[in-house]
Amino acid sequence: MASLAPLNEAEIKQFVEDWYKALDVHAPVDDVAPMVATEGLEMVFPEATLHTVDEFKGWYHAVTHRFFDEVHVVKDTRVTLEGDRAPVKVLVNWQARFWNAPDRNSQWLGFDAYQSWVVVRSPQTQKPVIQFYGVDKLDPMEGSASL
């Protein structure tokens, strides 16, 4: 079996941008699921910790049906290359709306999300994938509703 090409900073930064573009447009789950690792996956969100692609798909379904008008703006991406893995620190501004029935109006959310990722190369696709994704801290913007 041939060894995998080493990861590089430029492709990881592009991968981070592509991840958030997919979330913003609520891309089909079958387009987003290949962006997470099939082995050793751990995703730590404020509301859940996920370990399988199926759990990710369930989470993705829930959030794409809860939040709308989403916009993610990547403010900073810091990549450390460590052989076949790359720890990544991501700072992203996330803004969205949600609605609680039967409320008259939707509510606005705005947060700076500080995250830690580990990106590896998929042996199946040769593309970068998220093996670990953790939300370290959420800083609410002025006027944001609570999660």
N, C-alpha and C. Protein backbone atom coordinates (compact mmCIF):
# COMPACT_ATOMS: atom_id res chain seq x y z
N MET A 1 0.85 -1.19 0.00
CA MET A 1 0.00 0.00 0.00
C MET A 1 0.89 1.24 0.00
N ALA A 2 0.62 2.16 -0.87
CA ALA A 2 1.39 3.39 -0.97
C ALA A 2 1.10 4.29 0.23
N SER A 3 2.12 5.03 0.65
CA SER A 3 1.92 5.94 1.78
C SER A 3 1.15 7.17 1.30
N LEU A 4 0.49 7.81 2.26
CA LEU A 4 -0.30 8.99 1.95
C LEU A 4 0.61 10.20 1.84
N ALA A 5 0.26 11.10 0.95
CA ALA A 5 1.01 12.35 0.80
C ALA A 5 0.89 13.16 2.09
N PRO A 6 1.94 13.85 2.48
CA PRO A 6 1.84 14.66 3.69
C PRO A 6 0.85 15.81 3.51
N LEU A 7 0.22 16.17 4.59
CA LEU A 7 -0.68 17.32 4.58
C LEU A 7 0.16 18.59 4.43
N ASN A 8 -0.47 19.65 3.92
CA ASN A 8 0.22 20.93 3.87
C ASN A 8 -0.72 22.04 4.33
N GLU A 9 -0.12 23.12 4.77
CA GLU A 9 -0.89 24.20 5.38
C GLU A 9 -1.93 24.80 4.44
N ALA A 10 -1.58 25.00 3.19
CA ALA A 10 -2.50 25.62 2.23
C ALA A 10 -3.75 24.76 2.03
N GLU A 11 -3.58 23.45 1.89
CA GLU A 11 -4.76 22.61 1.67
C GLU A 11 -5.63 22.52 2.91
N ILE A 12 -5.01 22.59 4.08
CA ILE A 12 -5.80 22.55 5.32
C ILE A 12 -6.60 23.84 5.47
N LYS A 13 -5.97 24.97 5.20
CA LYS A 13 -6.70 26.24 5.28
C LYS A 13 -7.86 26.27 4.28
N GLN A 14 -7.65 25.74 3.09
CA GLN A 14 -8.73 25.66 2.10
C GLN A 14 -9.82 24.71 2.58
N PHE A 15 -9.43 23.61 3.19
CA PHE A 15 -10.39 22.65 3.74
C PHE A 15 -11.27 23.30 4.80
N VAL A 16 -10.68 24.10 5.69
CA VAL A 16 -11.45 24.80 6.71
C VAL A 16 -12.48 25.72 6.05
N GLU A 17 -12.05 26.47 5.05
CA GLU A 17 -12.98 27.35 4.32
C GLU A 17 -14.09 26.56 3.65
N ASP A 18 -13.74 25.43 3.02
CA ASP A 18 -14.73 24.59 2.34
C ASP A 18 -15.74 24.01 3.33
N TRP A 19 -15.27 23.62 4.51
CA TRP A 19 -16.15 23.08 5.55
C TRP A 19 -17.24 24.10 5.89
N TYR A 20 -16.82 25.33 6.15
CA TYR A 20 -17.80 26.34 6.54
C TYR A 20 -18.70 26.77 5.39
N LYS A 21 -18.19 26.78 4.18
CA LYS A 21 -19.06 27.06 3.02
C LYS A 21 -20.16 26.01 2.93
N ALA A 22 -19.80 24.75 3.14
CA ALA A 22 -20.79 23.67 3.10
C ALA A 22 -21.83 23.84 4.20
N LEU A 23 -21.39 24.23 5.40
CA LEU A 23 -22.35 24.44 6.48
C LEU A 23 -23.27 25.62 6.19
N ASP A 24 -22.71 26.69 5.62
CA ASP A 24 -23.53 27.88 5.33
C ASP A 24 -24.66 27.59 4.36
N VAL A 25 -24.40 26.77 3.36
CA VAL A 25 -25.43 26.49 2.34
C VAL A 25 -26.26 25.26 2.69
N HIS A 26 -25.98 24.67 3.86
CA HIS A 26 -26.66 23.43 4.27
C HIS A 26 -26.54 22.39 3.16
N ALA A 27 -25.30 22.19 2.74
CA ALA A 27 -25.02 21.19 1.69
C ALA A 27 -25.60 19.84 2.11
N PRO A 28 -25.95 19.00 1.15
CA PRO A 28 -26.48 17.68 1.49
C PRO A 28 -25.50 16.91 2.39
N VAL A 29 -26.05 16.18 3.34
CA VAL A 29 -25.21 15.46 4.30
C VAL A 29 -24.24 14.52 3.58
N ASP A 30 -24.64 13.96 2.45
CA ASP A 30 -23.74 13.06 1.72
C ASP A 30 -22.56 13.79 1.10
N ASP A 31 -22.63 15.12 1.00
CA ASP A 31 -21.49 15.92 0.54
C ASP A 31 -20.58 16.32 1.70
N VAL A 32 -21.16 16.41 2.90
CA VAL A 32 -20.41 16.88 4.07
C VAL A 32 -19.80 15.73 4.85
N ALA A 33 -20.51 14.62 4.96
CA ALA A 33 -20.01 13.47 5.75
C ALA A 33 -18.63 13.00 5.32
N PRO A 34 -18.27 13.01 4.04
CA PRO A 34 -16.91 12.59 3.66
C PRO A 34 -15.81 13.53 4.17
N MET A 35 -16.19 14.63 4.79
CA MET A 35 -15.20 15.56 5.33
C MET A 35 -14.80 15.20 6.76
N VAL A 36 -15.42 14.14 7.32
CA VAL A 36 -15.05 13.68 8.66
C VAL A 36 -14.47 12.27 8.55
N ALA A 37 -13.57 11.96 9.47
CA ALA A 37 -12.87 10.67 9.45
C ALA A 37 -13.83 9.53 9.78
N THR A 38 -13.59 8.40 9.16
CA THR A 38 -14.39 7.21 9.44
C THR A 38 -13.82 6.41 10.61
N GLU A 39 -12.57 6.66 10.96
CA GLU A 39 -11.90 5.97 12.09
C GLU A 39 -11.41 7.00 13.09
N GLY A 40 -11.66 6.75 14.37
CA GLY A 40 -11.14 7.61 15.42
C GLY A 40 -11.77 8.98 15.52
N LEU A 41 -12.98 9.13 14.99
CA LEU A 41 -13.65 10.43 14.99
C LEU A 41 -14.10 10.81 16.40
N GLU A 42 -13.87 12.08 16.74
CA GLU A 42 -14.45 12.66 17.95
C GLU A 42 -14.77 14.12 17.65
N MET A 43 -16.04 14.48 17.85
CA MET A 43 -16.49 15.85 17.64
C MET A 43 -17.20 16.29 18.91
N VAL A 44 -16.67 17.35 19.54
CA VAL A 44 -17.18 17.81 20.82
C VAL A 44 -17.85 19.17 20.62
N PHE A 45 -19.17 19.17 20.67
CA PHE A 45 -19.97 20.38 20.55
C PHE A 45 -20.57 20.70 21.93
N PRO A 46 -21.05 21.91 22.14
CA PRO A 46 -21.67 22.21 23.43
C PRO A 46 -22.84 21.28 23.76
N GLU A 47 -23.53 20.81 22.73
CA GLU A 47 -24.74 20.01 22.95
C GLU A 47 -24.53 18.51 22.84
N ALA A 48 -23.37 18.05 22.34
CA ALA A 48 -23.18 16.61 22.13
C ALA A 48 -21.73 16.30 21.81
N THR A 49 -21.34 15.05 22.08
CA THR A 49 -20.05 14.53 21.65
C THR A 49 -20.34 13.35 20.72
N LEU A 50 -19.72 13.38 19.54
CA LEU A 50 -19.99 12.40 18.49
C LEU A 50 -18.74 11.57 18.24
N HIS A 51 -18.97 10.28 17.89
CA HIS A 51 -17.83 9.39 17.61
C HIS A 51 -17.95 8.62 16.30
N THR A 52 -19.08 8.71 15.62
CA THR A 52 -19.25 7.96 14.37
C THR A 52 -19.79 8.88 13.28
N VAL A 53 -19.63 8.45 12.06
CA VAL A 53 -20.17 9.21 10.93
C VAL A 53 -21.69 9.26 11.03
N ASP A 54 -22.33 8.17 11.46
CA ASP A 54 -23.79 8.18 11.61
C ASP A 54 -24.24 9.19 12.66
N GLU A 55 -23.50 9.28 13.77
CA GLU A 55 -23.83 10.29 14.78
C GLU A 55 -23.64 11.69 14.20
N PHE A 56 -22.60 11.89 13.42
CA PHE A 56 -22.39 13.18 12.76
C PHE A 56 -23.58 13.50 11.84
N LYS A 57 -24.02 12.52 11.07
CA LYS A 57 -25.15 12.76 10.17
C LYS A 57 -26.41 13.17 10.94
N GLY A 58 -26.66 12.55 12.09
CA GLY A 58 -27.80 12.92 12.91
C GLY A 58 -27.67 14.34 13.45
N TRP A 59 -26.46 14.68 13.92
CA TRP A 59 -26.22 16.04 14.40
C TRP A 59 -26.42 17.04 13.27
N TYR A 60 -25.86 16.75 12.11
CA TYR A 60 -25.94 17.66 10.98
C TYR A 60 -27.40 17.89 10.58
N HIS A 61 -28.18 16.82 10.55
CA HIS A 61 -29.61 16.95 10.23
C HIS A 61 -30.28 17.89 11.24
N ALA A 62 -29.97 17.71 12.53
CA ALA A 62 -30.60 18.53 13.57
C ALA A 62 -30.23 20.01 13.42
N VAL A 63 -28.95 20.31 13.22
CA VAL A 63 -28.56 21.72 13.17
C VAL A 63 -29.00 22.40 11.87
N THR A 64 -29.05 21.66 10.77
CA THR A 64 -29.50 22.29 9.53
C THR A 64 -31.01 22.48 9.50
N HIS A 65 -31.71 21.83 10.42
CA HIS A 65 -33.15 22.05 10.55
C HIS A 65 -33.48 23.02 11.68
N ARG A 66 -32.49 23.41 12.45
CA ARG A 66 -32.67 24.34 13.57
C ARG A 66 -32.24 25.76 13.21
N PHE A 67 -31.12 25.89 12.52
CA PHE A 67 -30.54 27.20 12.24
C PHE A 67 -30.69 27.53 10.76
N PHE A 68 -30.91 28.82 10.48
CA PHE A 68 -31.01 29.26 9.08
C PHE A 68 -30.31 30.60 8.94
N ASP A 69 -30.16 31.05 7.69
CA ASP A 69 -29.42 32.28 7.39
C ASP A 69 -28.03 32.25 8.02
N GLU A 70 -27.40 31.08 8.01
CA GLU A 70 -26.10 30.94 8.64
C GLU A 70 -24.99 31.57 7.81
N VAL A 71 -24.07 32.21 8.52
CA VAL A 71 -22.87 32.75 7.91
C VAL A 71 -21.71 32.46 8.85
N HIS A 72 -20.70 31.78 8.33
CA HIS A 72 -19.46 31.53 9.05
C HIS A 72 -18.35 32.32 8.36
N VAL A 73 -17.61 33.10 9.14
CA VAL A 73 -16.46 33.83 8.61
C VAL A 73 -15.24 33.38 9.39
N VAL A 74 -14.32 32.74 8.69
CA VAL A 74 -13.10 32.27 9.33
C VAL A 74 -12.21 33.49 9.58
N LYS A 75 -11.91 33.73 10.84
CA LYS A 75 -11.09 34.88 11.22
C LYS A 75 -9.62 34.51 11.38
N ASP A 76 -9.36 33.24 11.74
CA ASP A 76 -7.97 32.82 11.92
C ASP A 76 -7.89 31.30 11.84
N THR A 77 -6.88 30.80 11.18
CA THR A 77 -6.60 29.37 11.11
C THR A 77 -5.11 29.19 11.34
N ARG A 78 -4.76 28.47 12.39
CA ARG A 78 -3.34 28.21 12.71
C ARG A 78 -3.09 26.71 12.64
N VAL A 79 -2.23 26.33 11.73
CA VAL A 79 -1.95 24.93 11.43
C VAL A 79 -0.58 24.54 11.97
N THR A 80 -0.54 23.39 12.63
CA THR A 80 0.73 22.78 13.03
C THR A 80 0.83 21.44 12.32
N LEU A 81 1.86 21.25 11.53
CA LEU A 81 2.03 19.99 10.81
C LEU A 81 2.84 19.03 11.67
N GLU A 82 2.28 17.85 11.92
CA GLU A 82 2.93 16.83 12.76
C GLU A 82 2.88 15.49 12.04
N GLY A 83 3.67 15.35 11.00
CA GLY A 83 3.69 14.10 10.25
C GLY A 83 2.38 13.85 9.53
N ASP A 84 1.66 12.80 9.93
CA ASP A 84 0.43 12.43 9.23
C ASP A 84 -0.81 13.09 9.82
N ARG A 85 -0.63 14.03 10.75
CA ARG A 85 -1.76 14.73 11.36
C ARG A 85 -1.42 16.20 11.49
N ALA A 86 -2.47 17.01 11.60
CA ALA A 86 -2.26 18.45 11.74
C ALA A 86 -3.24 19.02 12.76
N PRO A 87 -2.75 19.35 13.95
CA PRO A 87 -3.59 20.11 14.88
C PRO A 87 -3.83 21.50 14.30
N VAL A 88 -5.06 21.97 14.43
CA VAL A 88 -5.46 23.25 13.85
C VAL A 88 -6.26 24.02 14.89
N LYS A 89 -5.94 25.28 15.05
CA LYS A 89 -6.73 26.20 15.87
C LYS A 89 -7.53 27.07 14.91
N VAL A 90 -8.84 27.10 15.09
CA VAL A 90 -9.72 27.85 14.20
C VAL A 90 -10.50 28.85 15.04
N LEU A 91 -10.56 30.08 14.56
CA LEU A 91 -11.44 31.09 15.13
C LEU A 91 -12.41 31.47 14.03
N VAL A 92 -13.70 31.22 14.29
CA VAL A 92 -14.72 31.49 13.28
C VAL A 92 -15.84 32.31 13.91
N ASN A 93 -16.30 33.31 13.18
CA ASN A 93 -17.48 34.05 13.60
C ASN A 93 -18.68 33.37 12.97
N TRP A 94 -19.63 32.98 13.83
CA TRP A 94 -20.85 32.29 13.37
C TRP A 94 -22.05 33.14 13.70
N GLN A 95 -22.85 33.41 12.67
CA GLN A 95 -24.11 34.12 12.88
C GLN A 95 -25.21 33.33 12.20
N ALA A 96 -26.35 33.28 12.86
CA ALA A 96 -27.48 32.50 12.35
C ALA A 96 -28.76 33.00 12.99
N ARG A 97 -29.85 32.47 12.51
CA ARG A 97 -31.16 32.74 13.09
C ARG A 97 -31.80 31.40 13.43
N PHE A 98 -32.72 31.43 14.40
CA PHE A 98 -33.51 30.24 14.73
C PHE A 98 -34.89 30.71 15.18
N TRP A 99 -35.82 29.79 15.15
CA TRP A 99 -37.20 30.11 15.50
C TRP A 99 -37.74 29.05 16.43
N ASN A 100 -38.35 29.49 17.50
CA ASN A 100 -39.04 28.59 18.42
C ASN A 100 -40.54 28.79 18.25
N ALA A 101 -41.21 27.76 17.77
CA ALA A 101 -42.67 27.84 17.63
C ALA A 101 -43.30 27.95 19.01
N PRO A 102 -44.29 28.71 19.23
CA PRO A 102 -45.02 29.57 18.28
C PRO A 102 -44.59 31.03 18.34
N ASP A 103 -43.33 31.30 18.71
CA ASP A 103 -42.87 32.69 18.81
C ASP A 103 -43.21 33.48 17.55
N ARG A 104 -43.46 34.76 17.71
CA ARG A 104 -43.80 35.61 16.59
C ARG A 104 -42.61 35.83 15.66
N ASN A 105 -41.42 35.92 16.24
CA ASN A 105 -40.23 36.25 15.45
C ASN A 105 -39.11 35.24 15.69
N SER A 106 -38.22 35.19 14.73
CA SER A 106 -37.01 34.39 14.91
C SER A 106 -36.05 35.19 15.79
N GLN A 107 -34.98 34.51 16.22
CA GLN A 107 -33.97 35.16 17.04
C GLN A 107 -32.61 35.06 16.34
N TRP A 108 -31.76 36.04 16.63
CA TRP A 108 -30.44 36.11 16.02
C TRP A 108 -29.39 35.59 17.01
N LEU A 109 -28.44 34.84 16.49
CA LEU A 109 -27.29 34.37 17.24
C LEU A 109 -26.02 34.90 16.59
N GLY A 110 -25.06 35.26 17.41
CA GLY A 110 -23.76 35.67 16.89
C GLY A 110 -22.68 35.33 17.91
N PHE A 111 -21.69 34.55 17.49
CA PHE A 111 -20.63 34.10 18.38
C PHE A 111 -19.30 34.07 17.65
N ASP A 112 -18.23 34.35 18.38
CA ASP A 112 -16.90 33.95 17.94
C ASP A 112 -16.67 32.59 18.57
N ALA A 113 -16.40 31.60 17.73
CA ALA A 113 -16.18 30.23 18.20
C ALA A 113 -14.71 29.88 18.09
N TYR A 114 -14.12 29.56 19.22
CA TYR A 114 -12.73 29.12 19.27
C TYR A 114 -12.73 27.60 19.25
N GLN A 115 -12.03 27.03 18.29
CA GLN A 115 -12.09 25.58 18.07
C GLN A 115 -10.71 24.97 17.94
N SER A 116 -10.63 23.70 18.30
CA SER A 116 -9.42 22.89 18.08
C SER A 116 -9.82 21.73 17.19
N TRP A 117 -9.06 21.53 16.13
CA TRP A 117 -9.29 20.43 15.20
C TRP A 117 -8.01 19.59 15.11
N VAL A 118 -8.18 18.35 14.69
CA VAL A 118 -7.06 17.55 14.17
C VAL A 118 -7.49 17.07 12.80
N VAL A 119 -6.70 17.39 11.80
CA VAL A 119 -6.98 17.00 10.42
C VAL A 119 -5.97 15.92 10.03
N VAL A 120 -6.49 14.90 9.37
CA VAL A 120 -5.66 13.81 8.83
C VAL A 120 -6.04 13.62 7.36
N ARG A 121 -5.26 12.83 6.66
CA ARG A 121 -5.60 12.52 5.28
C ARG A 121 -6.38 11.21 5.25
N SER A 122 -7.49 11.21 4.55
CA SER A 122 -8.30 10.00 4.42
C SER A 122 -7.58 8.97 3.57
N PRO A 123 -7.43 7.72 4.09
CA PRO A 123 -6.83 6.69 3.26
C PRO A 123 -7.71 6.31 2.06
N GLN A 124 -9.03 6.53 2.19
CA GLN A 124 -9.95 6.19 1.10
C GLN A 124 -9.93 7.22 -0.03
N THR A 125 -9.97 8.52 0.32
CA THR A 125 -10.10 9.56 -0.70
C THR A 125 -8.82 10.35 -0.93
N GLN A 126 -7.84 10.21 -0.04
CA GLN A 126 -6.59 10.97 -0.07
C GLN A 126 -6.80 12.45 0.26
N LYS A 127 -8.00 12.84 0.67
CA LYS A 127 -8.30 14.24 0.99
C LYS A 127 -8.22 14.46 2.49
N PRO A 128 -8.04 15.71 2.92
CA PRO A 128 -8.07 16.00 4.35
C PRO A 128 -9.46 15.71 4.93
N VAL A 129 -9.47 15.23 6.17
CA VAL A 129 -10.72 15.00 6.90
C VAL A 129 -10.51 15.40 8.36
N ILE A 130 -11.60 15.71 9.02
CA ILE A 130 -11.57 16.06 10.44
C ILE A 130 -11.59 14.77 11.25
N GLN A 131 -10.58 14.59 12.09
CA GLN A 131 -10.59 13.45 13.01
C GLN A 131 -11.04 13.89 14.40
N PHE A 132 -10.63 15.10 14.79
CA PHE A 132 -11.09 15.68 16.05
C PHE A 132 -11.57 17.09 15.78
N TYR A 133 -12.69 17.45 16.40
CA TYR A 133 -13.27 18.78 16.27
C TYR A 133 -13.81 19.15 17.63
N GLY A 134 -13.27 20.17 18.24
CA GLY A 134 -13.74 20.58 19.55
C GLY A 134 -14.03 22.06 19.60
N VAL A 135 -15.16 22.40 20.20
CA VAL A 135 -15.50 23.80 20.44
C VAL A 135 -14.94 24.14 21.82
N ASP A 136 -13.90 24.97 21.84
CA ASP A 136 -13.22 25.32 23.09
C ASP A 136 -13.96 26.40 23.86
N LYS A 137 -14.48 27.39 23.12
CA LYS A 137 -15.12 28.53 23.78
C LYS A 137 -16.02 29.23 22.77
N LEU A 138 -17.14 29.74 23.25
CA LEU A 138 -18.04 30.56 22.45
C LEU A 138 -18.15 31.92 23.12
N ASP A 139 -17.77 32.98 22.41
CA ASP A 139 -17.91 34.35 22.90
C ASP A 139 -19.09 34.99 22.19
N PRO A 140 -20.18 35.28 22.93
CA PRO A 140 -21.35 35.87 22.26
C PRO A 140 -21.10 37.32 21.83
N MET A 141 -21.67 37.67 20.72
CA MET A 141 -21.64 39.06 20.25
C MET A 141 -22.73 39.82 21.00
N GLU A 142 -22.58 41.12 21.07
CA GLU A 142 -23.58 41.95 21.74
C GLU A 142 -24.93 41.78 21.04
N GLY A 143 -25.97 41.53 21.82
CA GLY A 143 -27.32 41.38 21.29
C GLY A 143 -27.70 39.97 20.87
N SER A 144 -26.74 39.03 20.99
CA SER A 144 -27.04 37.65 20.59
C SER A 144 -27.96 36.98 21.59
N ALA A 145 -28.87 36.17 21.07
CA ALA A 145 -29.66 35.29 21.93
C ALA A 145 -28.75 34.23 22.49
N SER A 146 -29.21 33.53 23.49
CA SER A 146 -28.45 32.42 24.07
C SER A 146 -28.71 31.15 23.26
N LEU A 147 -27.73 30.28 23.26
CA LEU A 147 -27.92 28.97 22.63
C LEU A 147 -28.79 28.08 23.51
